[in-house]
Amino acid sequence: SEKLEVELVGRGEAGQRTADWLMRTLGVQLEHAR
């Protein structure tokens, strides 16, 4: 829990594959996926 609190707020941007999948599947453009 402590590690997630620190790491997500600091560098929790989703990976490029995840972001690409979301944009393609949902039909949207994303500014951020975090």
PDB file of all heavy atoms in Angstrom:
ATOM      1  N   SER A   1       0.833  -1.204   0.000  1.00  0.00           N
ATOM      2  CA  SER A   1       0.000   0.000   0.000  1.00  0.00           C
ATOM      3  C   SER A   1       0.871   1.259   0.000  1.00  0.00           C
ATOM      4  O   SER A   1       0.624   2.198  -0.770  1.00  0.00           O
ATOM      5  CB  SER A   1      -0.915   0.003   1.222  1.00  0.00           C
ATOM      6  OG  SER A   1      -1.680   1.192   1.265  1.00  0.00           O
ATOM      7  N   GLU A   2       1.890   1.257   0.857  1.00  0.00           N
ATOM      8  CA  GLU A   2       2.799   2.420   0.923  1.00  0.00           C
ATOM      9  C   GLU A   2       3.522   2.611  -0.407  1.00  0.00           C
ATOM     10  O   GLU A   2       3.672   3.738  -0.888  1.00  0.00           O
ATOM     11  CB  GLU A   2       3.809   2.227   2.058  1.00  0.00           C
ATOM     12  CG  GLU A   2       3.185   2.290   3.447  1.00  0.00           C
ATOM     13  CD  GLU A   2       4.181   1.963   4.543  1.00  0.00           C
ATOM     14  OE1 GLU A   2       5.403   1.953   4.252  1.00  0.00           O
ATOM     15  OE2 GLU A   2       3.747   1.704   5.686  1.00  0.00           O
ATOM     16  N   LYS A   3       3.964   1.501  -1.000  1.00  0.00           N
ATOM     17  CA  LYS A   3       4.697   1.576  -2.264  1.00  0.00           C
ATOM     18  C   LYS A   3       3.793   2.117  -3.381  1.00  0.00           C
ATOM     19  O   LYS A   3       4.208   2.952  -4.195  1.00  0.00           O
ATOM     20  CB  LYS A   3       5.208   0.180  -2.631  1.00  0.00           C
ATOM     21  CG  LYS A   3       6.264   0.165  -3.734  1.00  0.00           C
ATOM     22  CD  LYS A   3       7.597   0.684  -3.236  1.00  0.00           C
ATOM     23  CE  LYS A   3       8.678   0.484  -4.289  1.00  0.00           C
ATOM     24  NZ  LYS A   3       9.940   1.141  -3.914  1.00  0.00           N
ATOM     25  N   LEU A   4       2.548   1.663  -3.419  1.00  0.00           N
ATOM     26  CA  LEU A   4       1.609   2.137  -4.440  1.00  0.00           C
ATOM     27  C   LEU A   4       1.339   3.634  -4.278  1.00  0.00           C
ATOM     28  O   LEU A   4       1.300   4.386  -5.266  1.00  0.00           O
ATOM     29  CB  LEU A   4       0.288   1.364  -4.344  1.00  0.00           C
ATOM     30  CG  LEU A   4       0.304  -0.074  -4.869  1.00  0.00           C
ATOM     31  CD1 LEU A   4      -0.957  -0.819  -4.434  1.00  0.00           C
ATOM     32  CD2 LEU A   4       0.431  -0.099  -6.389  1.00  0.00           C
ATOM     33  N   GLU A   5       1.156   4.079  -3.031  1.00  0.00           N
ATOM     34  CA  GLU A   5       0.903   5.511  -2.787  1.00  0.00           C
ATOM     35  C   GLU A   5       2.053   6.367  -3.332  1.00  0.00           C
ATOM     36  O   GLU A   5       1.825   7.413  -3.938  1.00  0.00           O
ATOM     37  CB  GLU A   5       0.722   5.780  -1.292  1.00  0.00           C
ATOM     38  CG  GLU A   5      -0.531   5.186  -0.678  1.00  0.00           C
ATOM     39  CD  GLU A   5      -1.815   5.878  -1.108  1.00  0.00           C
ATOM     40  OE1 GLU A   5      -1.744   6.949  -1.723  1.00  0.00           O
ATOM     41  OE2 GLU A   5      -2.902   5.324  -0.847  1.00  0.00           O
ATOM     42  N   VAL A   6       3.277   5.905  -3.114  1.00  0.00           N
ATOM     43  CA  VAL A   6       4.454   6.685  -3.549  1.00  0.00           C
ATOM     44  C   VAL A   6       4.654   6.611  -5.062  1.00  0.00           C
ATOM     45  O   VAL A   6       4.813   7.623  -5.745  1.00  0.00           O
ATOM     46  CB  VAL A   6       5.726   6.192  -2.820  1.00  0.00           C
ATOM     47  CG1 VAL A   6       6.966   6.856  -3.412  1.00  0.00           C
ATOM     48  CG2 VAL A   6       5.628   6.493  -1.327  1.00  0.00           C
ATOM     49  N   GLU A   7       4.633   5.398  -5.604  1.00  0.00           N
ATOM     50  CA  GLU A   7       4.985   5.203  -7.008  1.00  0.00           C
ATOM     51  C   GLU A   7       3.907   5.722  -7.964  1.00  0.00           C
ATOM     52  O   GLU A   7       4.216   6.298  -9.011  1.00  0.00           O
ATOM     53  CB  GLU A   7       5.276   3.727  -7.284  1.00  0.00           C
ATOM     54  CG  GLU A   7       6.480   3.178  -6.547  1.00  0.00           C
ATOM     55  CD  GLU A   7       7.784   3.869  -6.934  1.00  0.00           C
ATOM     56  OE1 GLU A   7       7.871   4.405  -8.058  1.00  0.00           O
ATOM     57  OE2 GLU A   7       8.704   3.894  -6.106  1.00  0.00           O
ATOM     58  N   LEU A   8       2.623   5.518  -7.627  1.00  0.00           N
ATOM     59  CA  LEU A   8       1.571   5.927  -8.557  1.00  0.00           C
ATOM     60  C   LEU A   8       1.514   7.436  -8.707  1.00  0.00           C
ATOM     61  O   LEU A   8       1.398   7.960  -9.818  1.00  0.00           O
ATOM     62  CB  LEU A   8       0.214   5.381  -8.107  1.00  0.00           C
ATOM     63  CG  LEU A   8       0.066   3.853  -8.087  1.00  0.00           C
ATOM     64  CD1 LEU A   8      -1.383   3.460  -7.847  1.00  0.00           C
ATOM     65  CD2 LEU A   8       0.579   3.226  -9.380  1.00  0.00           C
ATOM     66  N   VAL A   9       1.595   8.159  -7.599  1.00  0.00           N
ATOM     67  CA  VAL A   9       1.518   9.612  -7.701  1.00  0.00           C
ATOM     68  C   VAL A   9       2.770  10.180  -8.368  1.00  0.00           C
ATOM     69  O   VAL A   9       2.736  11.212  -9.033  1.00  0.00           O
ATOM     70  CB  VAL A   9       1.293  10.252  -6.312  1.00  0.00           C
ATOM     71  CG1 VAL A   9       2.558  10.221  -5.463  1.00  0.00           C
ATOM     72  CG2 VAL A   9       0.767  11.677  -6.441  1.00  0.00           C
ATOM     73  N   GLY A  10       3.895   9.477  -8.223  1.00  0.00           N
ATOM     74  CA  GLY A  10       5.144   9.982  -8.788  1.00  0.00           C
ATOM     75  C   GLY A  10       5.332   9.651 -10.259  1.00  0.00           C
ATOM     76  O   GLY A  10       5.774  10.498 -11.041  1.00  0.00           O
ATOM     77  N   ARG A  11       4.995   8.424 -10.654  1.00  0.00           N
ATOM     78  CA  ARG A  11       5.263   8.025 -12.043  1.00  0.00           C
ATOM     79  C   ARG A  11       4.220   7.017 -12.538  1.00  0.00           C
ATOM     80  O   ARG A  11       4.558   6.024 -13.179  1.00  0.00           O
ATOM     81  CB  ARG A  11       6.681   7.441 -12.156  1.00  0.00           C
ATOM     82  CG  ARG A  11       6.992   6.296 -11.224  1.00  0.00           C
ATOM     83  CD  ARG A  11       8.467   5.924 -11.237  1.00  0.00           C
ATOM     84  NE  ARG A  11       8.705   4.656 -10.541  1.00  0.00           N
ATOM     85  CZ  ARG A  11       8.800   3.486 -11.151  1.00  0.00           C
ATOM     86  NH1 ARG A  11       8.678   3.404 -12.466  1.00  0.00           N
ATOM     87  NH2 ARG A  11       9.005   2.380 -10.455  1.00  0.00           N
ATOM     88  N   GLY A  12       2.970   7.295 -12.245  1.00  0.00           N
ATOM     89  CA  GLY A  12       1.912   6.335 -12.533  1.00  0.00           C
ATOM     90  C   GLY A  12       1.293   6.409 -13.914  1.00  0.00           C
ATOM     91  O   GLY A  12       0.193   5.898 -14.126  1.00  0.00           O
ATOM     92  N   GLU A  13       1.976   7.023 -14.864  1.00  0.00           N
ATOM     93  CA  GLU A  13       1.418   7.096 -16.225  1.00  0.00           C
ATOM     94  C   GLU A  13       1.283   5.682 -16.809  1.00  0.00           C
ATOM     95  O   GLU A  13       2.171   4.840 -16.664  1.00  0.00           O
ATOM     96  CB  GLU A  13       2.343   7.934 -17.114  1.00  0.00           C
ATOM     97  CG  GLU A  13       1.681   8.477 -18.371  1.00  0.00           C
ATOM     98  CD  GLU A  13       0.747   9.653 -18.112  1.00  0.00           C
ATOM     99  OE1 GLU A  13       0.844  10.283 -17.044  1.00  0.00           O
ATOM    100  OE2 GLU A  13      -0.084   9.940 -18.989  1.00  0.00           O
ATOM    101  N   ALA A  14       0.153   5.417 -17.431  1.00  0.00           N
ATOM    102  CA  ALA A  14      -0.065   4.103 -18.051  1.00  0.00           C
ATOM    103  C   ALA A  14       0.921   3.890 -19.189  1.00  0.00           C
ATOM    104  O   ALA A  14       1.392   4.838 -19.821  1.00  0.00           O
ATOM    105  CB  ALA A  14      -1.497   4.010 -18.572  1.00  0.00           C
ATOM    106  N   GLY A  15       1.221   2.630 -19.462  1.00  0.00           N
ATOM    107  CA  GLY A  15       2.133   2.315 -20.554  1.00  0.00           C
ATOM    108  C   GLY A  15       1.532   2.666 -21.913  1.00  0.00           C
ATOM    109  O   GLY A  15       0.308   2.775 -22.059  1.00  0.00           O
ATOM    110  N   GLN A  16       2.395   2.810 -22.890  1.00  0.00           N
ATOM    111  CA  GLN A  16       1.939   3.206 -24.226  1.00  0.00           C
ATOM    112  C   GLN A  16       0.993   2.171 -24.828  1.00  0.00           C
ATOM    113  O   GLN A  16      -0.001   2.526 -25.472  1.00  0.00           O
ATOM    114  CB  GLN A  16       3.152   3.414 -25.149  1.00  0.00           C
ATOM    115  CG  GLN A  16       2.796   4.039 -26.493  1.00  0.00           C
ATOM    116  CD  GLN A  16       2.185   5.423 -26.334  1.00  0.00           C
ATOM    117  OE1 GLN A  16       2.741   6.282 -25.651  1.00  0.00           O
ATOM    118  NE2 GLN A  16       1.030   5.647 -26.960  1.00  0.00           N
ATOM    119  N   ARG A  17       1.269   0.894 -24.615  1.00  0.00           N
ATOM    120  CA  ARG A  17       0.388  -0.152 -25.160  1.00  0.00           C
ATOM    121  C   ARG A  17      -1.017  -0.052 -24.555  1.00  0.00           C
ATOM    122  O   ARG A  17      -2.022  -0.213 -25.249  1.00  0.00           O
ATOM    123  CB  ARG A  17       0.974  -1.540 -24.885  1.00  0.00           C
ATOM    124  CG  ARG A  17       2.224  -1.865 -25.699  1.00  0.00           C
ATOM    125  CD  ARG A  17       2.743  -3.246 -25.342  1.00  0.00           C
ATOM    126  NE  ARG A  17       1.777  -4.292 -25.690  1.00  0.00           N
ATOM    127  CZ  ARG A  17       1.631  -5.430 -25.028  1.00  0.00           C
ATOM    128  NH1 ARG A  17       2.376  -5.669 -23.953  1.00  0.00           N
ATOM    129  NH2 ARG A  17       0.747  -6.320 -25.421  1.00  0.00           N
ATOM    130  N   THR A  18      -1.059   0.231 -23.265  1.00  0.00           N
ATOM    131  CA  THR A  18      -2.357   0.368 -22.588  1.00  0.00           C
ATOM    132  C   THR A  18      -3.116   1.574 -23.125  1.00  0.00           C
ATOM    133  O   THR A  18      -4.311   1.490 -23.435  1.00  0.00           O
ATOM    134  CB  THR A  18      -2.153   0.511 -21.068  1.00  0.00           C
ATOM    135  OG1 THR A  18      -1.388  -0.589 -20.587  1.00  0.00           O
ATOM    136  CG2 THR A  18      -3.487   0.567 -20.336  1.00  0.00           C
ATOM    137  N   ALA A  19      -2.414   2.707 -23.236  1.00  0.00           N
ATOM    138  CA  ALA A  19      -3.061   3.925 -23.729  1.00  0.00           C
ATOM    139  C   ALA A  19      -3.553   3.745 -25.165  1.00  0.00           C
ATOM    140  O   ALA A  19      -4.674   4.155 -25.514  1.00  0.00           O
ATOM    141  CB  ALA A  19      -2.095   5.105 -23.634  1.00  0.00           C
ATOM    142  N   ASP A  20      -2.728   3.122 -26.005  1.00  0.00           N
ATOM    143  CA  ASP A  20      -3.126   2.895 -27.403  1.00  0.00           C
ATOM    144  C   ASP A  20      -4.356   1.981 -27.471  1.00  0.00           C
ATOM    145  O   ASP A  20      -5.277   2.219 -28.259  1.00  0.00           O
ATOM    146  CB  ASP A  20      -1.968   2.262 -28.189  1.00  0.00           C
ATOM    147  CG  ASP A  20      -0.842   3.250 -28.460  1.00  0.00           C
ATOM    148  OD1 ASP A  20      -1.064   4.465 -28.298  1.00  0.00           O
ATOM    149  OD2 ASP A  20       0.262   2.798 -28.842  1.00  0.00           O
ATOM    150  N   TRP A  21      -4.360   0.942 -26.648  1.00  0.00           N
ATOM    151  CA  TRP A  21      -5.498   0.013 -26.633  1.00  0.00           C
ATOM    152  C   TRP A  21      -6.780   0.755 -26.234  1.00  0.00           C
ATOM    153  O   TRP A  21      -7.835   0.565 -26.844  1.00  0.00           O
ATOM    154  CB  TRP A  21      -5.215  -1.131 -25.653  1.00  0.00           C
ATOM    155  CG  TRP A  21      -6.237  -2.228 -25.693  1.00  0.00           C
ATOM    156  CD1 TRP A  21      -6.179  -3.393 -26.412  1.00  0.00           C
ATOM    157  CD2 TRP A  21      -7.482  -2.260 -24.980  1.00  0.00           C
ATOM    158  NE1 TRP A  21      -7.314  -4.139 -26.188  1.00  0.00           N
ATOM    159  CE2 TRP A  21      -8.129  -3.475 -25.323  1.00  0.00           C
ATOM    160  CE3 TRP A  21      -8.112  -1.388 -24.098  1.00  0.00           C
ATOM    161  CZ2 TRP A  21      -9.379  -3.824 -24.797  1.00  0.00           C
ATOM    162  CZ3 TRP A  21      -9.354  -1.732 -23.582  1.00  0.00           C
ATOM    163  CH2 TRP A  21      -9.979  -2.941 -23.931  1.00  0.00           C
ATOM    164  N   LEU A  22      -6.675   1.587 -25.217  1.00  0.00           N
ATOM    165  CA  LEU A  22      -7.848   2.335 -24.747  1.00  0.00           C
ATOM    166  C   LEU A  22      -8.376   3.282 -25.822  1.00  0.00           C
ATOM    167  O   LEU A  22      -9.587   3.354 -26.064  1.00  0.00           O
ATOM    168  CB  LEU A  22      -7.494   3.117 -23.479  1.00  0.00           C
ATOM    169  CG  LEU A  22      -7.357   2.278 -22.203  1.00  0.00           C
ATOM    170  CD1 LEU A  22      -6.587   3.040 -21.134  1.00  0.00           C
ATOM    171  CD2 LEU A  22      -8.739   1.877 -21.679  1.00  0.00           C
ATOM    172  N   MET A  23      -7.483   4.013 -26.473  1.00  0.00           N
ATOM    173  CA  MET A  23      -7.925   4.967 -27.498  1.00  0.00           C
ATOM    174  C   MET A  23      -8.573   4.241 -28.672  1.00  0.00           C
ATOM    175  O   MET A  23      -9.604   4.673 -29.199  1.00  0.00           O
ATOM    176  CB  MET A  23      -6.743   5.833 -27.959  1.00  0.00           C
ATOM    177  CG  MET A  23      -6.307   6.853 -26.911  1.00  0.00           C
ATOM    178  SD  MET A  23      -5.101   8.082 -27.508  1.00  0.00           S
ATOM    179  CE  MET A  23      -3.614   7.092 -27.553  1.00  0.00           C
ATOM    180  N   ARG A  24      -7.989   3.123 -29.049  1.00  0.00           N
ATOM    181  CA  ARG A  24      -8.524   2.362 -30.176  1.00  0.00           C
ATOM    182  C   ARG A  24      -9.873   1.726 -29.822  1.00  0.00           C
ATOM    183  O   ARG A  24     -10.832   1.777 -30.600  1.00  0.00           O
ATOM    184  CB  ARG A  24      -7.506   1.282 -30.581  1.00  0.00           C
ATOM    185  CG  ARG A  24      -7.899   0.488 -31.834  1.00  0.00           C
ATOM    186  CD  ARG A  24      -6.804  -0.481 -32.232  1.00  0.00           C
ATOM    187  NE  ARG A  24      -6.596  -1.550 -31.269  1.00  0.00           N
ATOM    188  CZ  ARG A  24      -5.561  -1.627 -30.436  1.00  0.00           C
ATOM    189  NH1 ARG A  24      -4.619  -0.696 -30.452  1.00  0.00           N
ATOM    190  NH2 ARG A  24      -5.450  -2.642 -29.587  1.00  0.00           N
ATOM    191  N   THR A  25      -9.956   1.155 -28.649  1.00  0.00           N
ATOM    192  CA  THR A  25     -11.165   0.428 -28.256  1.00  0.00           C
ATOM    193  C   THR A  25     -12.318   1.374 -27.908  1.00  0.00           C
ATOM    194  O   THR A  25     -13.474   1.105 -28.243  1.00  0.00           O
ATOM    195  CB  THR A  25     -10.870  -0.494 -27.057  1.00  0.00           C
ATOM    196  OG1 THR A  25      -9.783  -1.360 -27.405  1.00  0.00           O
ATOM    197  CG2 THR A  25     -12.083  -1.328 -26.689  1.00  0.00           C
ATOM    198  N   LEU A  26     -11.994   2.468 -27.243  1.00  0.00           N
ATOM    199  CA  LEU A  26     -13.036   3.410 -26.815  1.00  0.00           C
ATOM    200  C   LEU A  26     -13.343   4.472 -27.865  1.00  0.00           C
ATOM    201  O   LEU A  26     -14.344   5.191 -27.752  1.00  0.00           O
ATOM    202  CB  LEU A  26     -12.626   4.096 -25.504  1.00  0.00           C
ATOM    203  CG  LEU A  26     -12.433   3.176 -24.292  1.00  0.00           C
ATOM    204  CD1 LEU A  26     -11.930   3.984 -23.097  1.00  0.00           C
ATOM    205  CD2 LEU A  26     -13.732   2.458 -23.932  1.00  0.00           C
ATOM    206  N   GLY A  27     -12.470   4.607 -28.855  1.00  0.00           N
ATOM    207  CA  GLY A  27     -12.686   5.611 -29.890  1.00  0.00           C
ATOM    208  C   GLY A  27     -12.528   7.031 -29.388  1.00  0.00           C
ATOM    209  O   GLY A  27     -13.307   7.926 -29.756  1.00  0.00           O
ATOM    210  N   VAL A  28     -11.533   7.254 -28.532  1.00  0.00           N
ATOM    211  CA  VAL A  28     -11.289   8.594 -27.977  1.00  0.00           C
ATOM    212  C   VAL A  28      -9.803   8.927 -28.076  1.00  0.00           C
ATOM    213  O   VAL A  28      -8.957   8.050 -28.298  1.00  0.00           O
ATOM    214  CB  VAL A  28     -11.718   8.674 -26.494  1.00  0.00           C
ATOM    215  CG1 VAL A  28     -13.222   8.472 -26.343  1.00  0.00           C
ATOM    216  CG2 VAL A  28     -10.950   7.666 -25.629  1.00  0.00           C
ATOM    217  N   GLN A  29      -9.517  10.214 -27.902  1.00  0.00           N
ATOM    218  CA  GLN A  29      -8.138  10.676 -27.754  1.00  0.00           C
ATOM    219  C   GLN A  29      -7.899  10.971 -26.280  1.00  0.00           C
ATOM    220  O   GLN A  29      -8.761  11.548 -25.605  1.00  0.00           O
ATOM    221  CB  GLN A  29      -7.891  11.930 -28.593  1.00  0.00           C
ATOM    222  CG  GLN A  29      -7.882  11.673 -30.092  1.00  0.00           C
ATOM    223  CD  GLN A  29      -6.745  10.741 -30.509  1.00  0.00           C
ATOM    224  OE1 GLN A  29      -5.597  10.925 -30.150  1.00  0.00           O
ATOM    225  NE2 GLN A  29      -7.101   9.700 -31.277  1.00  0.00           N
ATOM    226  N   LEU A  30      -6.744  10.572 -25.771  1.00  0.00           N
ATOM    227  CA  LEU A  30      -6.430  10.770 -24.358  1.00  0.00           C
ATOM    228  C   LEU A  30      -5.318  11.798 -24.184  1.00  0.00           C
ATOM    229  O   LEU A  30      -4.301  11.744 -24.874  1.00  0.00           O
ATOM    230  CB  LEU A  30      -5.986   9.452 -23.722  1.00  0.00           C
ATOM    231  CG  LEU A  30      -7.017   8.319 -23.670  1.00  0.00           C
ATOM    232  CD1 LEU A  30      -6.372   7.067 -23.096  1.00  0.00           C
ATOM    233  CD2 LEU A  30      -8.216   8.732 -22.834  1.00  0.00           C
ATOM    234  N   GLU A  31      -5.551  12.715 -23.257  1.00  0.00           N
ATOM    235  CA  GLU A  31      -4.467  13.618 -22.838  1.00  0.00           C
ATOM    236  C   GLU A  31      -3.526  12.872 -21.889  1.00  0.00           C
ATOM    237  O   GLU A  31      -2.309  12.993 -21.978  1.00  0.00           O
ATOM    238  CB  GLU A  31      -5.058  14.845 -22.132  1.00  0.00           C
ATOM    239  CG  GLU A  31      -5.822  15.790 -23.031  1.00  0.00           C
ATOM    240  CD  GLU A  31      -4.920  16.580 -23.966  1.00  0.00           C
ATOM    241  OE1 GLU A  31      -3.708  16.711 -23.655  1.00  0.00           O
ATOM    242  OE2 GLU A  31      -5.412  17.039 -25.006  1.00  0.00           O
ATOM    243  N   HIS A  32      -4.136  12.133 -20.966  1.00  0.00           N
ATOM    244  CA  HIS A  32      -3.358  11.362 -19.994  1.00  0.00           C
ATOM    245  C   HIS A  32      -4.125  10.099 -19.631  1.00  0.00           C
ATOM    246  O   HIS A  32      -5.355  10.076 -19.657  1.00  0.00           O
ATOM    247  CB  HIS A  32      -3.111  12.166 -18.704  1.00  0.00           C
ATOM    248  CG  HIS A  32      -2.281  13.395 -18.903  1.00  0.00           C
ATOM    249  ND1 HIS A  32      -0.924  13.354 -19.113  1.00  0.00           N
ATOM    250  CD2 HIS A  32      -2.638  14.700 -18.925  1.00  0.00           C
ATOM    251  CE1 HIS A  32      -0.469  14.599 -19.255  1.00  0.00           C
ATOM    252  NE2 HIS A  32      -1.484  15.425 -19.147  1.00  0.00           N
ATOM    253  N   ALA A  33      -3.374   9.059 -19.289  1.00  0.00           N
ATOM    254  CA  ALA A  33      -3.941   7.863 -18.676  1.00  0.00           C
ATOM    255  C   ALA A  33      -3.016   7.530 -17.518  1.00  0.00           C
ATOM    256  O   ALA A  33      -1.850   7.177 -17.724  1.00  0.00           O
ATOM    257  CB  ALA A  33      -4.007   6.708 -19.675  1.00  0.00           C
ATOM    258  N   ARG A  34      -3.534   7.677 -16.314  1.00  0.00           N
ATOM    259  CA  ARG A  34      -2.655   7.598 -15.141  1.00  0.00           C
ATOM    260  C   ARG A  34      -3.293   6.767 -14.035  1.00  0.00           C
ATOM    261  O   ARG A  34      -4.487   6.876 -13.773  1.00  0.00           O
ATOM    262  CB  ARG A  34      -2.371   9.011 -14.631  1.00  0.00           C
ATOM    263  CG  ARG A  34      -1.595   9.093 -13.330  1.00  0.00           C
ATOM    264  CD  ARG A  34      -1.268  10.522 -12.967  1.00  0.00           C
ATOM    265  NE  ARG A  34      -0.226  11.062 -13.825  1.00  0.00           N
ATOM    266  CZ  ARG A  34       1.075  10.895 -13.612  1.00  0.00           C
ATOM    267  NH1 ARG A  34       1.488  10.201 -12.567  1.00  0.00           N
ATOM    268  NH2 ARG A  34       1.953  11.414 -14.428  1.00  0.00           N
TER     269      ARG A  34
END
